[in-house]
Amino acid sequence: MNMTLTLADLSAILAFIALCISVGTAVWGIFTRGHKQHAKDIAALKETGLKTNHRVEKLEMAIKSLPDKGTLHRLELSITEMKGDMKAMSAGLAPLKTLAENLTTMLVENAKGNKQ
């Protein structure tokens, strides 16, 4: 078999190669078109992710420092006990209040009597 390339065959092959290069360049351009903007977007997302992680860590620390259910129950019981103690103290101080009022009244009357 004798393979000879004519000028027309060579021209067709070169046209096909040129077409492949053009299509390849176009496809490459489509896929890499926004590469710089995408890189900026990715960097911004990473920054946002880091900030969010920091905020979540702060929240976790705050939650860990909150009292648990048992501690809250004990606090409620202690407050209730303190309310009872305060009522008992108020009842115990009532006679002293009456005594102080009577003493004040007597002193005011004595002061008025001394002025006359």
C-alpha atoms as a PDB file:
ATOM      1  CA  MET A   1       0.000   0.000   0.000  1.00  0.00           C
ATOM      2  CA  ASN A   2       1.328   3.297  -0.981  1.00  0.00           C
ATOM      3  CA  MET A   3       0.534   6.109   1.466  1.00  0.00           C
ATOM      4  CA  THR A   4       0.928   9.451   0.004  1.00  0.00           C
ATOM      5  CA  LEU A   5      -0.503  12.569   1.463  1.00  0.00           C
ATOM      6  CA  THR A   6      -1.903  15.076  -0.855  1.00  0.00           C
ATOM      7  CA  LEU A   7      -2.102  18.728  -0.111  1.00  0.00           C
ATOM      8  CA  ALA A   8      -5.861  18.425   0.438  1.00  0.00           C
ATOM      9  CA  ASP A   9      -5.371  15.586   2.964  1.00  0.00           C
ATOM     10  CA  LEU A  10      -2.731  17.555   4.822  1.00  0.00           C
ATOM     11  CA  SER A  11      -4.954  20.635   4.854  1.00  0.00           C
ATOM     12  CA  ALA A  12      -7.864  18.601   6.299  1.00  0.00           C
ATOM     13  CA  ILE A  13      -5.652  17.105   9.022  1.00  0.00           C
ATOM     14  CA  LEU A  14      -4.309  20.526  10.010  1.00  0.00           C
ATOM     15  CA  ALA A  15      -7.848  21.966  10.058  1.00  0.00           C
ATOM     16  CA  PHE A  16      -8.964  19.127  12.359  1.00  0.00           C
ATOM     17  CA  ILE A  17      -5.984  19.720  14.695  1.00  0.00           C
ATOM     18  CA  ALA A  18      -6.734  23.458  14.730  1.00  0.00           C
ATOM     19  CA  LEU A  19     -10.396  22.708  15.545  1.00  0.00           C
ATOM     20  CA  CYS A  20      -9.355  20.389  18.417  1.00  0.00           C
ATOM     21  CA  ILE A  21      -7.028  23.057  19.818  1.00  0.00           C
ATOM     22  CA  SER A  22      -9.783  25.690  19.581  1.00  0.00           C
ATOM     23  CA  VAL A  23     -12.363  23.476  21.296  1.00  0.00           C
ATOM     24  CA  GLY A  24      -9.848  22.447  23.978  1.00  0.00           C
ATOM     25  CA  THR A  25      -8.938  26.067  24.653  1.00  0.00           C
ATOM     26  CA  ALA A  26     -12.620  27.034  24.898  1.00  0.00           C
ATOM     27  CA  VAL A  27     -13.372  24.189  27.316  1.00  0.00           C
ATOM     28  CA  TRP A  28     -10.303  25.053  29.379  1.00  0.00           C
ATOM     29  CA  GLY A  29     -11.418  28.685  29.505  1.00  0.00           C
ATOM     30  CA  ILE A  30     -14.908  27.716  30.665  1.00  0.00           C
ATOM     31  CA  PHE A  31     -13.606  25.582  33.512  1.00  0.00           C
ATOM     32  CA  THR A  32     -10.940  28.011  34.705  1.00  0.00           C
ATOM     33  CA  ARG A  33     -12.845  31.228  34.014  1.00  0.00           C
ATOM     34  CA  GLY A  34     -13.715  32.146  37.626  1.00  0.00           C
ATOM     35  CA  HIS A  35     -10.755  30.507  39.327  1.00  0.00           C
ATOM     36  CA  LYS A  36      -9.528  33.676  41.066  1.00  0.00           C
ATOM     37  CA  GLN A  37     -13.012  34.621  42.228  1.00  0.00           C
ATOM     38  CA  HIS A  38     -13.606  31.073  43.431  1.00  0.00           C
ATOM     39  CA  ALA A  39     -10.348  31.166  45.370  1.00  0.00           C
ATOM     40  CA  LYS A  40     -11.457  34.434  47.037  1.00  0.00           C
ATOM     41  CA  ASP A  41     -14.866  32.929  47.832  1.00  0.00           C
ATOM     42  CA  ILE A  42     -13.257  29.838  49.339  1.00  0.00           C
ATOM     43  CA  ALA A  43     -10.948  31.987  51.470  1.00  0.00           C
ATOM     44  CA  ALA A  44     -13.943  34.024  52.687  1.00  0.00           C
ATOM     45  CA  LEU A  45     -15.831  30.828  53.541  1.00  0.00           C
ATOM     46  CA  LYS A  46     -12.835  29.503  55.468  1.00  0.00           C
ATOM     47  CA  GLU A  47     -12.669  32.760  57.433  1.00  0.00           C
ATOM     48  CA  THR A  48     -16.386  32.585  58.190  1.00  0.00           C
ATOM     49  CA  GLY A  49     -15.984  28.960  59.257  1.00  0.00           C
ATOM     50  CA  LEU A  50     -13.165  29.857  61.635  1.00  0.00           C
ATOM     51  CA  LYS A  51     -15.199  32.665  63.177  1.00  0.00           C
ATOM     52  CA  THR A  52     -18.179  30.355  63.553  1.00  0.00           C
ATOM     53  CA  ASN A  53     -16.022  27.694  65.196  1.00  0.00           C
ATOM     54  CA  HIS A  54     -14.701  30.284  67.644  1.00  0.00           C
ATOM     55  CA  ARG A  55     -18.245  31.386  68.511  1.00  0.00           C
ATOM     56  CA  VAL A  56     -19.372  27.782  68.973  1.00  0.00           C
ATOM     57  CA  GLU A  57     -16.421  27.105  71.284  1.00  0.00           C
ATOM     58  CA  LYS A  58     -17.350  30.157  73.382  1.00  0.00           C
ATOM     59  CA  LEU A  59     -20.952  28.961  73.600  1.00  0.00           C
ATOM     60  CA  GLU A  60     -19.847  25.470  74.599  1.00  0.00           C
ATOM     61  CA  MET A  61     -17.696  26.919  77.375  1.00  0.00           C
ATOM     62  CA  ALA A  62     -20.602  29.065  78.584  1.00  0.00           C
ATOM     63  CA  ILE A  63     -22.932  26.064  78.589  1.00  0.00           C
ATOM     64  CA  LYS A  64     -20.413  23.951  80.481  1.00  0.00           C
ATOM     65  CA  SER A  65     -20.280  26.568  83.239  1.00  0.00           C
ATOM     66  CA  LEU A  66     -24.075  26.556  83.722  1.00  0.00           C
ATOM     67  CA  PRO A  67     -25.431  24.595  86.683  1.00  0.00           C
ATOM     68  CA  ASP A  68     -26.898  21.172  85.995  1.00  0.00           C
ATOM     69  CA  LYS A  69     -30.398  19.977  86.883  1.00  0.00           C
ATOM     70  CA  GLY A  70     -29.382  18.661  90.309  1.00  0.00           C
ATOM     71  CA  THR A  71     -27.627  21.876  91.260  1.00  0.00           C
ATOM     72  CA  LEU A  72     -30.642  23.954  90.219  1.00  0.00           C
ATOM     73  CA  HIS A  73     -32.911  21.743  92.301  1.00  0.00           C
ATOM     74  CA  ARG A  74     -30.672  22.166  95.343  1.00  0.00           C
ATOM     75  CA  LEU A  75     -30.692  25.943  94.809  1.00  0.00           C
ATOM     76  CA  GLU A  76     -34.486  25.958  94.648  1.00  0.00           C
ATOM     77  CA  LEU A  77     -34.672  23.990  97.889  1.00  0.00           C
ATOM     78  CA  SER A  78     -32.210  26.350  99.581  1.00  0.00           C
ATOM     79  CA  ILE A  79     -34.172  29.408  98.476  1.00  0.00           C
ATOM     80  CA  THR A  80     -37.399  27.867  99.774  1.00  0.00           C
ATOM     81  CA  GLU A  81     -35.692  27.133 103.088  1.00  0.00           C
ATOM     82  CA  MET A  82     -34.398  30.717 103.271  1.00  0.00           C
ATOM     83  CA  LYS A  83     -37.927  32.037 102.656  1.00  0.00           C
ATOM     84  CA  GLY A  84     -39.166  29.981 105.613  1.00  0.00           C
ATOM     85  CA  ASP A  85     -36.315  31.247 107.790  1.00  0.00           C
ATOM     86  CA  MET A  86     -37.112  34.854 106.828  1.00  0.00           C
ATOM     87  CA  LYS A  87     -40.791  34.374 107.746  1.00  0.00           C
ATOM     88  CA  ALA A  88     -39.788  32.925 111.104  1.00  0.00           C
ATOM     89  CA  MET A  89     -37.407  35.819 111.732  1.00  0.00           C
ATOM     90  CA  SER A  90     -40.123  38.332 110.810  1.00  0.00           C
ATOM     91  CA  ALA A  91     -42.517  36.702 113.247  1.00  0.00           C
ATOM     92  CA  GLY A  92     -39.816  36.739 115.937  1.00  0.00           C
ATOM     93  CA  LEU A  93     -39.064  40.416 115.345  1.00  0.00           C
ATOM     94  CA  ALA A  94     -42.720  41.522 115.564  1.00  0.00           C
ATOM     95  CA  PRO A  95     -42.625  41.952 119.381  1.00  0.00           C
ATOM     96  CA  LEU A  96     -39.416  43.995 119.060  1.00  0.00           C
ATOM     97  CA  LYS A  97     -41.130  46.222 116.522  1.00  0.00           C
ATOM     98  CA  THR A  98     -44.019  46.810 118.911  1.00  0.00           C
ATOM     99  CA  LEU A  99     -41.574  47.499 121.747  1.00  0.00           C
ATOM    100  CA  ALA A 100     -39.637  49.984 119.616  1.00  0.00           C
ATOM    101  CA  GLU A 101     -42.850  51.770 118.594  1.00  0.00           C
ATOM    102  CA  ASN A 102     -44.009  52.005 122.220  1.00  0.00           C
ATOM    103  CA  LEU A 103     -40.586  53.241 123.337  1.00  0.00           C
ATOM    104  CA  THR A 104     -40.576  55.870 120.587  1.00  0.00           C
ATOM    105  CA  THR A 105     -44.046  57.028 121.564  1.00  0.00           C
ATOM    106  CA  MET A 106     -43.042  57.268 125.239  1.00  0.00           C
ATOM    107  CA  LEU A 107     -39.885  59.221 124.430  1.00  0.00           C
ATOM    108  CA  VAL A 108     -41.789  61.659 122.232  1.00  0.00           C
ATOM    109  CA  GLU A 109     -44.409  62.198 124.956  1.00  0.00           C
ATOM    110  CA  ASN A 110     -41.685  62.716 127.601  1.00  0.00           C
ATOM    111  CA  ALA A 111     -39.944  65.206 125.322  1.00  0.00           C
ATOM    112  CA  LYS A 112     -43.192  67.106 124.841  1.00  0.00           C
ATOM    113  CA  GLY A 113     -43.798  67.090 128.614  1.00  0.00           C
ATOM    114  CA  ASN A 114     -40.314  68.448 129.360  1.00  0.00           C
ATOM    115  CA  LYS A 115     -40.751  71.348 126.948  1.00  0.00           C
ATOM    116  CA  GLN A 116     -43.891  72.614 128.616  1.00  0.00           C
END
